[in-house]
């Protein structure tokens, strides 16, 4: 249950640690002084940024159960190489563990929606602070609706027990909010060259034009998400995003990255999960695509194995894997303790444009040019060379056999994967070239498994190596893909009437196999 107004928002970090004292101590800053320096909104904005992909002191475990054990597994970016004593079967076996699937929902309302509401209440409709916060809210909450389906959204802040909106209404609200936020920030940027909330913004340091580009790209992402179920609305929103004067993210310098700074330090959670704990390493699917394509990004994404110096993955859903057997022969995610947190890469904009061109002939370039620009921009973000030879490769394919590095057992996976070369084929069908786009988009989205999982559900691409062992109690076939997370048990306990009503909106009820509103193709 989401307790609006009853829960105190925790303000962490050196720039916000004295917020409450400043707010009440007559010897410190007055309310007017706080407004002048944006302290009344900036502290909450910084908290929102930390809450999208959860970071902070000792937050690796929280990130793990909201990201790494959810979308990162379902998208086959990582595979678990360990077991947990409290659960024999878990998300990697398509058997959702309630202690994990409760977390993304509950954290989002505490760490994103509540501080957004504080900013909303302290500002008016023309405020750049409200606009920037709303963009972050949509960015964070679209991930939540894409995990669960219906969510409490439009009535947030109006009651203790909040009714759920169906997913279509949530998406329409996203588009409305993004349009309004883009207009407000454009008005500001047209008349001001100064940064806004620079002391609190660890993504773009208050660079308003970059926030507009990010919002436009997010709008295009969401438009393409609904393209199979609400094409007219999708095309309208895509056209608005593409046609905006400030444009889309276009270069690696536009990448949305939560930077570590003097005001924000954390141990990168994927360093903790993959290197310190050895819980999750490269998946077999990643192994087959990156090695098969001889993809130079492999050395940016993953570490060579400790034993053999090669790049190898583990199969998702292994039956009780032995960590000691796998940890030195599979590749750890290549993050250091001090790595920044990726939000969105500019390369995604080009893959979205390539699809929009294929579908509706939107944009000035050809679908091929957009596709190839996406690969080049992804290479730039990964700081690797060789994009041209990679783009023109007509021969290399994903590996057709996965070999378990612990026993050299080979599995034919050619019927599971998308067996297409990288090079564009002007004679191929629209669907074949869409599959080609989605393969490269999946690679470029790394390490954002949640977004990759959403796009795999929406498009059906790319193919993935099926799980190694199956829990008969799962609500999803081993040949299919997890469709969603179940509603939190805490919602059934504390908000049961609204949660039961939300379950009735789903095709098949509140199960892991119930497909979301936009999931109609595969």
Protein backbone atom coordinates (compact mmCIF):
# COMPACT_ATOMS: atom_id res chain seq x y z
CA UNK A 1 0.00 0.00 0.00
CA UNK A 2 1.23 3.46 -0.88
CA UNK A 3 0.85 5.78 2.10
CA UNK A 4 0.74 9.27 0.70
CA UNK A 5 1.61 11.93 3.18
CA UNK A 6 2.21 9.36 5.90
CA UNK A 7 5.68 8.28 4.91
CA UNK A 8 8.63 10.59 5.38
CA UNK A 9 10.87 10.82 2.34
CA UNK A 10 14.45 10.02 3.25
CA UNK A 11 16.88 12.60 1.94
CA UNK A 12 20.31 11.09 1.51
CA UNK A 13 23.63 12.42 0.27
CA UNK A 14 25.89 15.24 1.33
CA UNK A 15 23.95 17.89 -0.58
CA UNK A 16 20.71 17.00 1.20
CA UNK A 17 21.68 15.69 4.62
CA UNK A 18 20.79 18.95 6.41
CA UNK A 19 17.57 19.64 4.53
CA UNK A 20 15.24 19.22 7.50
CA UNK A 21 17.40 21.43 9.74
CA UNK A 22 17.50 24.15 7.10
CA UNK A 23 13.76 23.97 6.74
CA UNK A 24 12.93 24.61 10.41
CA UNK A 25 15.87 26.40 12.02
CA UNK A 26 15.26 30.20 12.13
CA UNK A 27 19.02 30.75 12.19
CA UNK A 28 19.42 28.97 8.86
CA UNK A 29 18.00 29.56 5.37
CA UNK A 30 14.47 30.91 5.09
CA UNK A 31 11.84 29.39 2.81
CA UNK A 32 12.31 32.24 0.33
CA UNK A 33 16.06 31.68 0.30
CA UNK A 34 15.52 27.98 -0.24
CA UNK A 35 13.24 28.67 -3.20
CA UNK A 36 15.79 31.03 -4.68
CA UNK A 37 18.49 28.35 -4.51
CA UNK A 38 16.10 25.50 -5.49
CA UNK A 39 16.83 23.70 -2.22
CA UNK A 40 13.12 23.01 -1.76
CA UNK A 41 13.04 21.02 -5.00
CA UNK A 42 16.64 20.07 -5.74
CA UNK A 43 17.02 17.67 -2.84
CA UNK A 44 13.94 15.74 -3.91
CA UNK A 45 15.10 15.76 -7.53
CA UNK A 46 18.45 14.24 -6.54
CA UNK A 47 16.58 11.55 -4.63
CA UNK A 48 14.49 10.74 -7.69
CA UNK A 49 17.61 10.31 -9.80
CA UNK A 50 19.00 7.85 -7.26
CA UNK A 51 15.75 5.89 -7.30
CA UNK A 52 15.37 4.98 -10.98
CA UNK A 53 18.25 2.49 -10.96
CA UNK A 54 18.75 2.26 -7.23
CA UNK A 55 22.14 3.46 -6.05
CA UNK A 56 23.52 4.56 -2.72
CA UNK A 57 25.50 3.25 0.19
CA UNK A 58 25.13 -0.54 0.50
CA UNK A 59 22.30 -0.63 -2.07
CA UNK A 60 23.68 -3.44 -4.25
CA UNK A 61 21.21 -5.92 -2.82
CA UNK A 62 18.28 -3.63 -3.51
CA UNK A 63 19.42 -3.12 -7.11
CA UNK A 64 19.79 -6.87 -7.45
CA UNK A 65 16.18 -7.64 -6.57
CA UNK A 66 14.78 -4.74 -8.60
CA UNK A 67 16.93 -5.11 -11.73
CA UNK A 68 19.48 -7.91 -11.86
CA UNK A 69 17.11 -10.69 -10.73
CA UNK A 70 14.25 -9.34 -12.84
CA UNK A 71 14.70 -7.86 -16.33
CA UNK A 72 18.43 -8.61 -16.50
CA UNK A 73 17.61 -12.34 -16.29
CA UNK A 74 14.46 -12.29 -18.42
CA UNK A 75 16.33 -10.45 -21.21
CA UNK A 76 19.13 -13.03 -20.95
CA UNK A 77 21.85 -10.48 -20.26
CA UNK A 78 23.01 -12.37 -17.17
CA UNK A 79 22.49 -15.82 -15.70
CA UNK A 80 22.65 -16.82 -12.06
CA UNK A 81 25.59 -19.07 -11.16
CA UNK A 82 24.63 -19.50 -7.52
CA UNK A 83 21.75 -20.65 -5.36
CA UNK A 84 19.96 -18.93 -2.51
CA UNK A 85 19.19 -20.96 0.58
CA UNK A 86 15.67 -19.60 0.92
CA UNK A 87 14.51 -20.62 -2.58
CA UNK A 88 15.34 -23.67 -4.69
CA UNK A 89 13.64 -22.30 -7.80
CA UNK A 90 13.62 -18.61 -8.56
CA UNK A 91 13.18 -16.03 -11.30
CA UNK A 92 15.91 -17.62 -13.43
CA UNK A 93 13.73 -20.76 -13.59
CA UNK A 94 10.55 -18.74 -14.33
CA UNK A 95 9.38 -19.35 -10.76
CA UNK A 96 8.85 -15.86 -9.39
CA UNK A 97 9.99 -15.39 -5.80
CA UNK A 98 7.72 -12.98 -3.94
CA UNK A 99 10.50 -11.40 -1.91
CA UNK A 100 11.97 -10.26 -5.21
CA UNK A 101 8.94 -9.30 -7.26
CA UNK A 102 7.56 -7.11 -4.48
CA UNK A 103 10.62 -4.86 -4.53
CA UNK A 104 10.48 -2.90 -7.83
CA UNK A 105 6.91 -1.77 -7.20
CA UNK A 106 7.37 -0.73 -3.59
CA UNK A 107 10.71 0.99 -4.18
CA UNK A 108 9.38 3.01 -7.12
CA UNK A 109 6.61 4.61 -5.09
CA UNK A 110 8.95 5.42 -2.21
CA UNK A 111 11.94 6.60 -4.21
CA UNK A 112 10.34 8.15 -7.31
CA UNK A 113 6.68 8.99 -6.81
CA UNK A 114 6.87 10.42 -3.30
CA UNK A 115 9.70 12.88 -3.97
CA UNK A 116 8.04 13.82 -7.27
CA UNK A 117 4.87 14.66 -5.35
CA UNK A 118 6.89 16.89 -3.02
CA UNK A 119 8.29 18.77 -6.03
CA UNK A 120 4.86 18.97 -7.63
CA UNK A 121 3.34 20.49 -4.50
CA UNK A 122 6.14 23.06 -4.20
CA UNK A 123 5.99 24.28 -7.81
CA UNK A 124 3.59 25.45 -10.49
CA UNK A 125 2.94 24.26 -14.03
CA UNK A 126 5.57 26.59 -15.52
CA UNK A 127 8.40 25.37 -13.29
CA UNK A 128 11.43 23.78 -15.00
CA UNK A 129 11.99 21.83 -11.78
CA UNK A 130 8.56 20.24 -12.07
CA UNK A 131 9.18 19.53 -15.75
CA UNK A 132 12.52 17.83 -15.13
CA UNK A 133 11.09 15.85 -12.23
CA UNK A 134 8.17 14.73 -14.37
CA UNK A 135 10.52 13.45 -17.05
CA UNK A 136 12.39 11.42 -14.43
CA UNK A 137 9.06 10.19 -13.07
CA UNK A 138 7.92 8.96 -16.48
CA UNK A 139 11.32 7.38 -17.10
CA UNK A 140 11.15 5.52 -13.80
CA UNK A 141 7.48 4.60 -13.83
CA UNK A 142 7.26 3.34 -17.40
CA UNK A 143 9.64 0.64 -16.22
CA UNK A 144 7.18 -0.26 -13.47
CA UNK A 145 4.11 -0.48 -15.68
CA UNK A 146 6.18 -2.52 -18.14
CA UNK A 147 6.96 -4.93 -15.32
CA UNK A 148 3.47 -5.24 -13.83
CA UNK A 149 0.86 -3.81 -16.23
CA UNK A 150 -1.81 -1.75 -14.45
CA UNK A 151 -0.36 0.48 -11.73
CA UNK A 152 -1.57 3.27 -9.40
CA UNK A 153 -0.66 6.44 -11.26
CA UNK A 154 -3.15 9.17 -12.13
CA UNK A 155 -4.66 9.29 -8.64
CA UNK A 156 -1.36 9.15 -6.79
CA UNK A 157 -1.44 11.60 -3.89
CA UNK A 158 -5.23 11.67 -3.56
CA UNK A 159 -5.85 8.74 -1.22
CA UNK A 160 -4.18 6.18 1.01
CA UNK A 161 -5.53 3.20 -0.92
CA UNK A 162 -4.99 4.13 -4.53
CA UNK A 163 -6.89 2.59 -7.46
CA UNK A 164 -4.93 1.25 -10.40
CA UNK A 165 -5.02 2.65 -13.94
CA UNK A 166 -5.10 0.30 -16.90
CA UNK A 167 -1.89 0.34 -18.89
CA UNK A 168 -3.33 2.18 -21.88
CA UNK A 169 -4.39 5.06 -19.65
CA UNK A 170 -0.98 5.09 -17.97
CA UNK A 171 0.75 5.38 -21.34
CA UNK A 172 -1.56 8.14 -22.51
CA UNK A 173 -0.77 10.01 -19.29
CA UNK A 174 2.95 9.53 -19.94
CA UNK A 175 2.60 11.14 -23.36
CA UNK A 176 0.61 14.04 -21.94
CA UNK A 177 3.16 14.63 -19.19
CA UNK A 178 6.15 14.40 -21.50
CA UNK A 179 4.57 16.83 -23.96
CA UNK A 180 3.91 19.37 -21.21
CA UNK A 181 7.39 18.97 -19.71
CA UNK A 182 9.07 19.38 -23.10
CA UNK A 183 7.10 22.58 -23.72
CA UNK A 184 8.06 24.04 -20.34
CA UNK A 185 11.74 23.23 -20.76
CA UNK A 186 11.72 24.54 -24.33
CA UNK A 187 10.31 27.85 -23.11
CA UNK A 188 13.11 28.02 -20.55
CA UNK A 189 15.85 27.02 -23.00
CA UNK A 190 14.64 29.51 -25.60
CA UNK A 191 15.23 32.42 -23.23
CA UNK A 192 17.90 31.13 -20.80
CA UNK A 193 21.33 29.67 -21.41
CA UNK A 194 21.97 28.84 -17.77
CA UNK A 195 21.72 25.37 -16.30
CA UNK A 196 18.83 24.48 -14.01
CA UNK A 197 19.18 22.44 -10.80
CA UNK A 198 22.84 22.02 -11.73
CA UNK A 199 23.92 21.43 -8.12
CA UNK A 200 21.44 18.55 -7.77
CA UNK A 201 21.39 16.96 -11.23
CA UNK A 202 23.94 14.15 -11.56
CA UNK A 203 22.79 13.16 -15.06
CA UNK A 204 23.11 16.30 -17.20
CA UNK A 205 24.30 18.87 -14.63
CA UNK A 206 21.22 20.96 -15.33
CA UNK A 207 21.76 21.15 -19.11
CA UNK A 208 18.18 21.84 -20.19
CA UNK A 209 18.58 21.16 -23.96
CA UNK A 210 19.98 17.72 -23.11
CA UNK A 211 16.99 17.04 -20.87
CA UNK A 212 14.70 17.95 -23.78
CA UNK A 213 16.55 15.56 -26.09
CA UNK A 214 16.29 12.85 -23.45
CA UNK A 215 12.55 13.48 -23.07
CA UNK A 216 12.01 13.38 -26.83
CA UNK A 217 13.88 10.08 -27.07
CA UNK A 218 11.88 8.67 -24.17
CA UNK A 219 8.69 9.77 -25.92
CA UNK A 220 9.79 7.94 -29.06
CA UNK A 221 10.65 4.84 -27.01
CA UNK A 222 7.16 4.77 -25.52
CA UNK A 223 5.55 5.45 -28.90
CA UNK A 224 7.24 2.44 -30.45
CA UNK A 225 6.27 0.33 -27.45
CA UNK A 226 2.58 0.68 -28.30
CA UNK A 227 3.00 0.45 -32.08
CA UNK A 228 1.52 -3.05 -32.34
CA UNK A 229 -1.60 -2.26 -30.32
CA UNK A 230 -2.39 1.44 -30.88
CA UNK A 231 -0.70 2.37 -34.14
CA UNK A 232 -2.36 5.74 -34.72
CA UNK A 233 -1.39 7.02 -31.27
CA UNK A 234 2.09 5.56 -31.66
CA UNK A 235 2.64 7.34 -34.97
CA UNK A 236 1.31 10.63 -33.59
CA UNK A 237 3.65 10.54 -30.60
CA UNK A 238 6.61 9.36 -32.66
CA UNK A 239 6.07 12.22 -35.10
CA UNK A 240 5.98 14.72 -32.24
CA UNK A 241 9.20 13.36 -30.77
CA UNK A 242 11.05 13.29 -34.09
CA UNK A 243 9.80 16.71 -35.15
CA UNK A 244 10.65 18.60 -31.97
CA UNK A 245 13.03 21.52 -32.55
CA UNK A 246 15.54 20.25 -29.98
CA UNK A 247 15.68 16.81 -31.56
CA UNK A 248 16.63 13.43 -30.15
CA UNK A 249 19.74 12.14 -28.45
CA UNK A 250 22.23 11.92 -31.30
CA UNK A 251 25.75 11.21 -30.02
CA UNK A 252 27.49 9.42 -27.18
CA UNK A 253 27.87 12.82 -25.51
CA UNK A 254 24.07 12.84 -25.16
CA UNK A 255 24.02 9.54 -23.23
CA UNK A 256 21.98 9.78 -20.05
CA UNK A 257 24.33 8.61 -17.29
CA UNK A 258 24.02 9.04 -13.53
CA UNK A 259 27.52 10.24 -12.72
CA UNK A 260 29.34 9.70 -9.47
CA UNK A 261 30.45 13.00 -7.97
CA UNK A 262 31.40 14.66 -4.72
CA UNK A 263 27.69 14.74 -3.88
CA UNK A 264 26.94 11.19 -5.05
CA UNK A 265 29.18 8.19 -4.48
CA UNK A 266 28.25 4.53 -4.56
CA UNK A 267 29.65 1.11 -5.32
CA UNK A 268 28.27 0.16 -8.70
CA UNK A 269 25.76 -2.61 -7.99
CA UNK A 270 26.79 -4.71 -11.00
CA UNK A 271 30.34 -4.73 -9.65
CA UNK A 272 28.97 -6.02 -6.35
CA UNK A 273 26.61 -8.56 -7.93
CA UNK A 274 28.96 -9.83 -10.62
CA UNK A 275 32.48 -9.43 -9.25
CA UNK A 276 32.31 -9.13 -5.48
CA UNK A 277 29.52 -11.67 -4.93
CA UNK A 278 29.80 -13.76 -8.12
CA UNK A 279 26.03 -14.19 -8.21
CA UNK A 280 25.39 -13.35 -11.87
CA UNK A 281 27.68 -13.59 -14.90
CA UNK A 282 27.32 -13.41 -18.69
CA UNK A 283 24.45 -15.47 -20.08
CA UNK A 284 24.64 -18.12 -22.78
CA UNK A 285 22.59 -15.85 -25.04
CA UNK A 286 25.11 -13.02 -24.71
CA UNK A 287 27.91 -15.52 -25.28
CA UNK A 288 26.38 -16.69 -28.56
CA UNK A 289 25.62 -13.25 -29.99
CA UNK A 290 28.76 -11.37 -28.98
CA UNK A 291 31.21 -14.17 -29.78
CA UNK A 292 29.39 -15.17 -32.95
CA UNK A 293 29.50 -11.63 -34.31
CA UNK A 294 33.08 -11.07 -33.07
CA UNK A 295 31.60 -8.00 -31.42
CA UNK A 296 34.30 -5.62 -30.08
CA UNK A 297 31.89 -4.41 -27.39
CA UNK A 298 32.34 -7.71 -25.57
CA UNK A 299 35.45 -6.39 -23.80
CA UNK A 300 33.58 -3.30 -22.62
CA UNK A 301 30.57 -5.25 -21.43
CA UNK A 302 32.30 -8.22 -19.77
CA UNK A 303 35.59 -9.32 -18.24
CA UNK A 304 37.66 -12.18 -19.66
CA UNK A 305 37.23 -15.35 -17.64
CA UNK A 306 39.65 -15.65 -14.75
CA UNK A 307 40.79 -19.12 -15.80
CA UNK A 308 41.13 -19.01 -19.59
CA UNK A 309 40.98 -15.34 -20.58
CA UNK A 310 38.09 -15.89 -22.99
CA UNK A 311 34.49 -14.68 -22.87
CA UNK A 312 31.96 -17.33 -21.85
CA UNK A 313 28.44 -17.39 -20.52
CA UNK A 314 26.27 -19.61 -18.35
CA UNK A 315 22.87 -21.01 -19.20
CA UNK A 316 19.87 -19.35 -17.57
CA UNK A 317 17.83 -21.55 -15.25
CA UNK A 318 20.49 -24.10 -14.36
CA UNK A 319 19.45 -26.62 -11.73
CA UNK A 320 21.31 -25.71 -8.55
CA UNK A 321 24.51 -24.36 -10.15
CA UNK A 322 27.75 -24.64 -8.22
CA UNK A 323 29.29 -21.19 -7.94
CA UNK A 324 32.80 -22.55 -7.44
CA UNK A 325 32.52 -24.45 -10.73
CA UNK A 326 31.31 -21.49 -12.78
CA UNK A 327 32.79 -18.32 -11.32
CA UNK A 328 36.24 -18.56 -12.94
CA UNK A 329 35.14 -19.96 -16.32
CA UNK A 330 32.33 -17.48 -17.06
CA UNK A 331 32.62 -13.75 -17.63
CA UNK A 332 31.84 -11.19 -14.97
CA UNK A 333 30.09 -7.92 -15.88
CA UNK A 334 32.80 -5.33 -16.57
CA UNK A 335 32.05 -2.68 -13.98
CA UNK A 336 34.32 -1.23 -11.34
CA UNK A 337 33.23 0.01 -7.94
CA UNK A 338 33.34 3.60 -9.22
CA UNK A 339 31.57 3.08 -12.58
CA UNK A 340 28.74 5.47 -13.37
CA UNK A 341 25.17 4.23 -13.81
CA UNK A 342 23.87 4.03 -17.37
CA UNK A 343 20.33 5.31 -17.95
CA UNK A 344 19.87 5.54 -21.72
CA UNK A 345 22.30 5.48 -24.63
CA UNK A 346 21.89 7.74 -27.65
CA UNK A 347 22.26 4.69 -29.90
CA UNK A 348 18.73 3.69 -28.95
CA UNK A 349 17.34 6.78 -30.69
CA UNK A 350 18.72 5.57 -34.04
CA UNK A 351 17.25 2.08 -33.67
CA UNK A 352 13.90 3.64 -32.79
CA UNK A 353 14.19 5.87 -35.86
CA UNK A 354 15.06 2.88 -38.05
CA UNK A 355 11.88 1.13 -36.94
CA UNK A 356 9.76 4.27 -37.35
CA UNK A 357 11.13 4.60 -40.88
CA UNK A 358 10.26 0.99 -41.68
CA UNK A 359 6.74 1.34 -40.31
CA UNK A 360 5.68 4.85 -41.27
CA UNK A 361 8.41 6.41 -43.39
CA UNK A 362 9.16 8.93 -40.63
CA UNK A 363 12.49 10.75 -40.54
CA UNK A 364 14.77 12.16 -43.22
CA UNK A 365 17.21 9.23 -43.53
CA UNK A 366 16.77 5.66 -44.72
CA UNK A 367 16.12 2.84 -42.26
CA UNK A 368 19.54 1.45 -43.17
CA UNK A 369 21.28 4.72 -42.38
CA UNK A 370 19.54 4.95 -39.00
CA UNK A 371 20.37 1.32 -38.23
CA UNK A 372 24.04 1.78 -39.05
CA UNK A 373 24.20 5.06 -37.12
CA UNK A 374 22.82 3.19 -34.11
CA UNK A 375 25.65 0.68 -34.28
CA UNK A 376 28.28 3.39 -34.71
CA UNK A 377 26.90 5.38 -31.79
CA UNK A 378 26.81 2.27 -29.60
CA UNK A 379 30.45 1.60 -30.47
CA UNK A 380 31.28 5.19 -29.52
CA UNK A 381 29.51 4.82 -26.17
CA UNK A 382 31.43 1.60 -25.55
CA UNK A 383 34.66 3.34 -26.63
CA UNK A 384 35.59 0.65 -29.16
CA UNK A 385 36.62 0.85 -32.82
CA UNK A 386 35.79 -1.28 -35.85
CA UNK A 387 32.20 -0.20 -36.47
CA UNK A 388 32.49 -0.09 -40.26
CA UNK A 389 33.81 -3.63 -40.68
CA UNK A 390 31.21 -4.87 -38.17
CA UNK A 391 28.37 -3.14 -40.03
CA UNK A 392 29.45 -4.58 -43.39
CA UNK A 393 29.88 -8.16 -42.16
CA UNK A 394 27.62 -10.41 -44.22
CA UNK A 395 29.00 -13.73 -42.96
CA UNK A 396 29.27 -13.86 -39.16
CA UNK A 397 26.25 -15.27 -37.35
CA UNK A 398 25.45 -15.92 -33.69
CA UNK A 399 27.02 -19.15 -32.45
CA UNK A 400 24.77 -22.08 -33.31
CA UNK A 401 26.06 -24.19 -30.43
CA UNK A 402 26.37 -23.20 -26.81
CA UNK A 403 29.10 -25.05 -24.92
CA UNK A 404 28.93 -25.24 -21.13
CA UNK A 405 32.40 -24.17 -19.92
CA UNK A 406 32.34 -26.52 -16.93
CA UNK A 407 31.83 -29.77 -18.84
CA UNK A 408 32.11 -28.88 -22.56
CA UNK A 409 28.60 -30.18 -23.16
CA UNK A 410 27.27 -28.71 -26.42
CA UNK A 411 23.67 -27.65 -27.07
CA UNK A 412 22.34 -26.74 -30.51
CA UNK A 413 20.70 -23.34 -30.07
CA UNK A 414 20.40 -22.36 -33.73
CA UNK A 415 16.63 -22.82 -33.61
CA UNK A 416 16.36 -20.51 -30.60
CA UNK A 417 18.42 -17.51 -31.72
CA UNK A 418 17.98 -14.88 -34.44
CA UNK A 419 20.40 -16.23 -37.03
CA UNK A 420 20.94 -13.10 -39.12
CA UNK A 421 24.17 -11.34 -40.12
CA UNK A 422 24.77 -7.75 -39.06
CA UNK A 423 24.85 -6.26 -42.58
CA UNK A 424 21.64 -4.61 -43.75
CA UNK A 425 19.79 -6.35 -46.58
CA UNK A 426 17.73 -4.03 -48.76
CA UNK A 427 16.04 -7.06 -50.37
CA UNK A 428 14.90 -8.56 -47.08
CA UNK A 429 11.34 -8.29 -45.83
CA UNK A 430 10.33 -5.57 -43.41
CA UNK A 431 10.00 -8.13 -40.62
CA UNK A 432 13.46 -9.59 -41.29
CA UNK A 433 15.07 -6.17 -41.16
CA UNK A 434 13.05 -5.34 -38.03
CA UNK A 435 14.52 -8.49 -36.46
CA UNK A 436 17.97 -7.28 -37.51
CA UNK A 437 17.31 -3.90 -35.85
CA UNK A 438 16.13 -5.57 -32.66
CA UNK A 439 19.22 -7.79 -32.41
CA UNK A 440 21.51 -4.77 -32.49
CA UNK A 441 19.21 -2.78 -30.25
CA UNK A 442 19.28 -5.59 -27.68
CA UNK A 443 23.09 -5.54 -27.72
CA UNK A 444 23.22 -1.73 -27.51
CA UNK A 445 20.75 -1.50 -24.61
CA UNK A 446 23.12 -3.38 -22.30
CA UNK A 447 23.11 -3.34 -19.30
CA UNK A 448 19.46 -2.18 -19.14
CA UNK A 449 17.86 -5.61 -19.05
CA UNK A 450 14.45 -4.22 -18.14
CA UNK A 451 14.20 -2.25 -21.39
CA UNK A 452 15.63 -5.15 -23.39
CA UNK A 453 13.07 -7.53 -21.86
CA UNK A 454 10.25 -5.11 -22.74
CA UNK A 455 11.39 -4.88 -26.34
CA UNK A 456 11.74 -8.66 -26.62
CA UNK A 457 8.16 -9.06 -25.41
CA UNK A 458 6.89 -6.36 -27.75
CA UNK A 459 8.68 -7.47 -30.91
CA UNK A 460 9.47 -11.13 -30.32
CA UNK A 461 13.14 -10.41 -31.13
CA UNK A 462 15.89 -11.36 -30.71
CA UNK A 463 15.66 -15.07 -30.00
CA UNK A 464 17.24 -16.31 -26.78
CA UNK A 465 18.70 -19.52 -25.37
CA UNK A 466 15.91 -21.24 -23.45
CA UNK A 467 16.29 -21.94 -19.75
CA UNK A 468 18.18 -25.11 -18.84
CA UNK A 469 15.77 -26.49 -16.25
CA UNK A 470 12.12 -25.84 -15.63
CA UNK A 471 10.05 -25.59 -12.48
CA UNK A 472 6.76 -27.40 -13.09
CA UNK A 473 5.02 -24.91 -10.78
CA UNK A 474 5.87 -22.01 -13.08
CA UNK A 475 3.03 -20.12 -14.76
CA UNK A 476 5.06 -19.81 -17.97
CA UNK A 477 6.17 -22.46 -20.47
CA UNK A 478 9.90 -23.08 -20.68
CA UNK A 479 9.72 -22.25 -24.40
CA UNK A 480 8.11 -18.89 -23.75
CA UNK A 481 9.20 -15.81 -21.86
CA UNK A 482 8.12 -14.36 -18.55
CA UNK A 483 5.46 -11.79 -19.47
CA UNK A 484 5.27 -9.74 -16.29
CA UNK A 485 5.84 -9.62 -12.55
CA UNK A 486 2.96 -10.43 -10.26
CA UNK A 487 1.46 -7.69 -8.10
CA UNK A 488 3.19 -7.38 -4.71
CA UNK A 489 1.80 -9.45 -1.88
CA UNK A 490 1.85 -6.26 0.18
CA UNK A 491 -0.71 -4.75 -2.17
CA UNK A 492 -3.04 -7.71 -1.68
CA UNK A 493 -2.64 -7.33 2.09
CA UNK A 494 -3.17 -3.58 2.31
CA UNK A 495 -4.93 -2.50 -0.89
CA UNK A 496 -6.82 -5.66 -1.77
CA UNK A 497 -9.93 -4.21 -3.40
CA UNK A 498 -7.97 -2.10 -5.85
CA UNK A 499 -5.40 -4.83 -6.49
CA UNK A 500 -8.08 -7.42 -7.27
CA UNK A 501 -9.71 -4.94 -9.63
CA UNK A 502 -6.35 -4.44 -11.35
CA UNK A 503 -5.88 -8.21 -11.72
CA UNK A 504 -9.19 -8.37 -13.60
CA UNK A 505 -7.75 -5.98 -16.20
CA UNK A 506 -5.08 -8.51 -17.19
CA UNK A 507 -5.56 -11.15 -19.86
CA UNK A 508 -5.33 -14.27 -17.72
CA UNK A 509 -5.28 -12.60 -14.33
CA UNK A 510 -2.36 -11.85 -12.04
CA UNK A 511 0.09 -14.45 -13.36
CA UNK A 512 3.60 -14.32 -14.77
CA UNK A 513 2.20 -15.45 -18.12
CA UNK A 514 -0.43 -12.72 -18.53
CA UNK A 515 0.60 -10.50 -21.44
CA UNK A 516 0.52 -6.75 -21.07
CA UNK A 517 -1.64 -4.38 -23.13
CA UNK A 518 1.10 -3.71 -25.69
CA UNK A 519 2.36 -7.33 -25.82
CA UNK A 520 0.32 -8.68 -28.75
CA UNK A 521 2.81 -9.81 -31.41
CA UNK A 522 4.83 -12.77 -30.17
